[in-house]
Amino acid sequence: MRVERDYSNIKAKVWRERAGYLCCELNSTSGQFILLMVSADKADTEADVVQTALRCLSSNDLAVAKQEAA
């Protein structure tokens, strides 16, 4: 089974909180909140956190982002 997902309608914002953990917030291109994730490992990179957050999205989340972009 092959699954293809289009992430072109999603913006990622990444920052490091005071405790040293990375946070990743995903929003639609129009600004609607989709997901907030905090890494469990201080050694995670920004790319790791964004990839993990994107993998956590459901098909409903992707549909919301697509509708917002239209």
N, C-alpha and C. Protein backbone atom coordinates (compact mmCIF):
# COMPACT_ATOMS: atom_id res chain seq x y z
N MET A 1 0.84 -1.19 0.00
CA MET A 1 0.00 0.00 0.00
C MET A 1 0.88 1.24 0.00
N ARG A 2 0.63 2.15 -0.90
CA ARG A 2 1.41 3.37 -1.00
C ARG A 2 0.54 4.54 -0.54
N VAL A 3 1.09 5.35 0.33
CA VAL A 3 0.38 6.52 0.84
C VAL A 3 1.15 7.76 0.42
N GLU A 4 0.47 8.67 -0.22
CA GLU A 4 1.09 9.93 -0.61
C GLU A 4 0.35 11.06 0.11
N ARG A 5 1.13 11.95 0.68
CA ARG A 5 0.53 13.07 1.40
C ARG A 5 1.10 14.38 0.86
N ASP A 6 0.26 15.37 0.73
CA ASP A 6 0.66 16.68 0.24
C ASP A 6 0.76 17.62 1.44
N TYR A 7 1.98 18.07 1.75
CA TYR A 7 2.20 18.98 2.87
C TYR A 7 2.38 20.43 2.41
N SER A 8 2.07 20.72 1.15
CA SER A 8 2.32 22.05 0.61
C SER A 8 1.43 23.13 1.23
N ASN A 9 0.35 22.75 1.87
CA ASN A 9 -0.56 23.72 2.48
C ASN A 9 -0.35 23.87 3.98
N ILE A 10 0.80 23.42 4.47
CA ILE A 10 1.07 23.44 5.91
C ILE A 10 2.36 24.20 6.17
N LYS A 11 2.31 25.10 7.16
CA LYS A 11 3.49 25.85 7.59
C LYS A 11 3.94 25.30 8.94
N ALA A 12 5.24 25.19 9.13
CA ALA A 12 5.80 24.72 10.40
C ALA A 12 6.59 25.85 11.05
N LYS A 13 6.38 26.00 12.36
CA LYS A 13 7.12 26.97 13.15
C LYS A 13 7.82 26.18 14.25
N VAL A 14 9.14 26.33 14.37
CA VAL A 14 9.91 25.56 15.34
C VAL A 14 10.67 26.51 16.26
N TRP A 15 10.66 26.22 17.55
CA TRP A 15 11.43 27.00 18.52
C TRP A 15 11.85 26.09 19.67
N ARG A 16 12.85 26.55 20.43
CA ARG A 16 13.34 25.80 21.58
C ARG A 16 12.83 26.50 22.84
N GLU A 17 12.15 25.75 23.70
CA GLU A 17 11.64 26.33 24.94
C GLU A 17 12.75 26.43 25.97
N ARG A 18 12.48 27.09 27.09
CA ARG A 18 13.50 27.33 28.11
C ARG A 18 14.14 26.05 28.65
N ALA A 19 13.38 24.98 28.74
CA ALA A 19 13.91 23.71 29.26
C ALA A 19 14.82 23.01 28.26
N GLY A 20 14.88 23.51 27.02
CA GLY A 20 15.77 22.94 26.03
C GLY A 20 15.12 22.02 25.01
N TYR A 21 13.81 21.81 25.13
CA TYR A 21 13.10 20.94 24.19
C TYR A 21 12.60 21.75 23.01
N LEU A 22 12.59 21.13 21.83
CA LEU A 22 12.08 21.80 20.63
C LEU A 22 10.56 21.66 20.56
N CYS A 23 9.91 22.72 20.12
CA CYS A 23 8.47 22.71 19.90
C CYS A 23 8.22 22.95 18.42
N CYS A 24 7.20 22.31 17.89
CA CYS A 24 6.84 22.48 16.48
C CYS A 24 5.34 22.71 16.39
N GLU A 25 4.97 23.83 15.81
CA GLU A 25 3.55 24.16 15.61
C GLU A 25 3.26 24.10 14.12
N LEU A 26 2.23 23.35 13.76
CA LEU A 26 1.81 23.26 12.36
C LEU A 26 0.52 24.03 12.19
N ASN A 27 0.48 24.86 11.15
CA ASN A 27 -0.69 25.65 10.80
C ASN A 27 -0.96 25.52 9.31
N SER A 28 -2.21 25.75 8.93
CA SER A 28 -2.51 25.83 7.50
C SER A 28 -1.91 27.12 6.97
N THR A 29 -1.80 27.26 5.66
CA THR A 29 -1.23 28.47 5.08
C THR A 29 -2.06 29.71 5.39
N SER A 30 -3.33 29.51 5.75
CA SER A 30 -4.18 30.64 6.13
C SER A 30 -4.13 30.92 7.62
N GLY A 31 -3.34 30.14 8.37
CA GLY A 31 -3.15 30.41 9.78
C GLY A 31 -3.95 29.57 10.75
N GLN A 32 -4.76 28.63 10.26
CA GLN A 32 -5.55 27.79 11.17
C GLN A 32 -4.65 26.78 11.85
N PHE A 33 -4.74 26.71 13.19
CA PHE A 33 -3.94 25.79 13.98
C PHE A 33 -4.29 24.34 13.65
N ILE A 34 -3.25 23.50 13.50
CA ILE A 34 -3.45 22.08 13.23
C ILE A 34 -2.88 21.22 14.34
N LEU A 35 -1.61 21.47 14.74
CA LEU A 35 -0.97 20.57 15.70
C LEU A 35 0.18 21.30 16.39
N LEU A 36 0.38 20.99 17.69
CA LEU A 36 1.54 21.46 18.44
C LEU A 36 2.21 20.24 19.04
N MET A 37 3.52 20.10 18.81
CA MET A 37 4.25 18.95 19.32
C MET A 37 5.49 19.43 20.04
N VAL A 38 5.80 18.81 21.17
CA VAL A 38 7.03 19.09 21.92
C VAL A 38 7.88 17.83 21.88
N SER A 39 9.15 17.98 21.51
CA SER A 39 10.04 16.81 21.42
C SER A 39 10.31 16.25 22.81
N ALA A 40 10.59 14.97 22.86
CA ALA A 40 10.89 14.31 24.13
C ALA A 40 12.39 14.21 24.37
N ASP A 41 13.18 14.55 23.36
CA ASP A 41 14.63 14.42 23.45
C ASP A 41 15.27 15.76 23.13
N LYS A 42 16.07 16.27 24.04
CA LYS A 42 16.73 17.56 23.82
C LYS A 42 17.70 17.53 22.65
N ALA A 43 18.14 16.35 22.25
CA ALA A 43 19.09 16.21 21.15
C ALA A 43 18.42 16.24 19.78
N ASP A 44 17.10 16.23 19.72
CA ASP A 44 16.40 16.27 18.43
C ASP A 44 16.76 17.54 17.66
N THR A 45 16.84 17.41 16.34
CA THR A 45 17.09 18.57 15.49
C THR A 45 15.75 19.14 15.03
N GLU A 46 15.80 20.32 14.46
CA GLU A 46 14.58 20.95 13.94
C GLU A 46 13.94 20.08 12.87
N ALA A 47 14.75 19.52 11.99
CA ALA A 47 14.23 18.67 10.92
C ALA A 47 13.54 17.43 11.49
N ASP A 48 14.15 16.83 12.52
CA ASP A 48 13.54 15.65 13.15
C ASP A 48 12.16 15.97 13.70
N VAL A 49 12.05 17.10 14.39
CA VAL A 49 10.79 17.47 15.03
C VAL A 49 9.71 17.75 13.99
N VAL A 50 10.07 18.45 12.92
CA VAL A 50 9.09 18.76 11.87
C VAL A 50 8.64 17.47 11.18
N GLN A 51 9.56 16.58 10.87
CA GLN A 51 9.20 15.32 10.22
C GLN A 51 8.28 14.49 11.11
N THR A 52 8.58 14.43 12.40
CA THR A 52 7.73 13.68 13.32
C THR A 52 6.34 14.29 13.41
N ALA A 53 6.27 15.62 13.50
CA ALA A 53 4.97 16.29 13.57
C ALA A 53 4.14 16.02 12.32
N LEU A 54 4.77 16.09 11.16
CA LEU A 54 4.05 15.83 9.91
C LEU A 54 3.55 14.39 9.84
N ARG A 55 4.33 13.46 10.37
CA ARG A 55 3.89 12.06 10.39
C ARG A 55 2.70 11.84 11.32
N CYS A 56 2.52 12.71 12.30
CA CYS A 56 1.42 12.58 13.26
C CYS A 56 0.08 13.06 12.70
N LEU A 57 0.11 13.75 11.57
CA LEU A 57 -1.13 14.31 11.01
C LEU A 57 -2.05 13.20 10.50
N SER A 58 -3.31 13.39 10.76
CA SER A 58 -4.31 12.45 10.24
C SER A 58 -4.79 12.93 8.87
N SER A 59 -5.53 12.10 8.21
CA SER A 59 -6.09 12.50 6.91
C SER A 59 -7.06 13.67 7.09
N ASN A 60 -7.73 13.74 8.23
CA ASN A 60 -8.63 14.87 8.49
C ASN A 60 -7.85 16.18 8.62
N ASP A 61 -6.68 16.13 9.29
CA ASP A 61 -5.84 17.31 9.41
C ASP A 61 -5.40 17.80 8.04
N LEU A 62 -5.00 16.88 7.18
CA LEU A 62 -4.58 17.25 5.84
C LEU A 62 -5.73 17.82 5.02
N ALA A 63 -6.93 17.28 5.22
CA ALA A 63 -8.10 17.79 4.51
C ALA A 63 -8.43 19.21 4.95
N VAL A 64 -8.30 19.49 6.25
CA VAL A 64 -8.55 20.84 6.75
C VAL A 64 -7.55 21.83 6.14
N ALA A 65 -6.28 21.46 6.08
CA ALA A 65 -5.27 22.33 5.50
C ALA A 65 -5.54 22.57 4.01
N LYS A 66 -5.98 21.53 3.32
CA LYS A 66 -6.29 21.67 1.89
C LYS A 66 -7.48 22.59 1.66
N GLN A 67 -8.52 22.44 2.50
CA GLN A 67 -9.72 23.29 2.37
C GLN A 67 -9.38 24.74 2.67
N GLU A 68 -8.53 24.97 3.66
CA GLU A 68 -8.16 26.33 4.03
C GLU A 68 -7.41 27.01 2.91
N ALA A 69 -6.62 26.25 2.16
CA ALA A 69 -5.83 26.82 1.07
C ALA A 69 -6.69 27.13 -0.15
N ALA A 70 -7.81 26.47 -0.28
CA ALA A 70 -8.66 26.65 -1.47
C ALA A 70 -9.48 27.90 -1.40
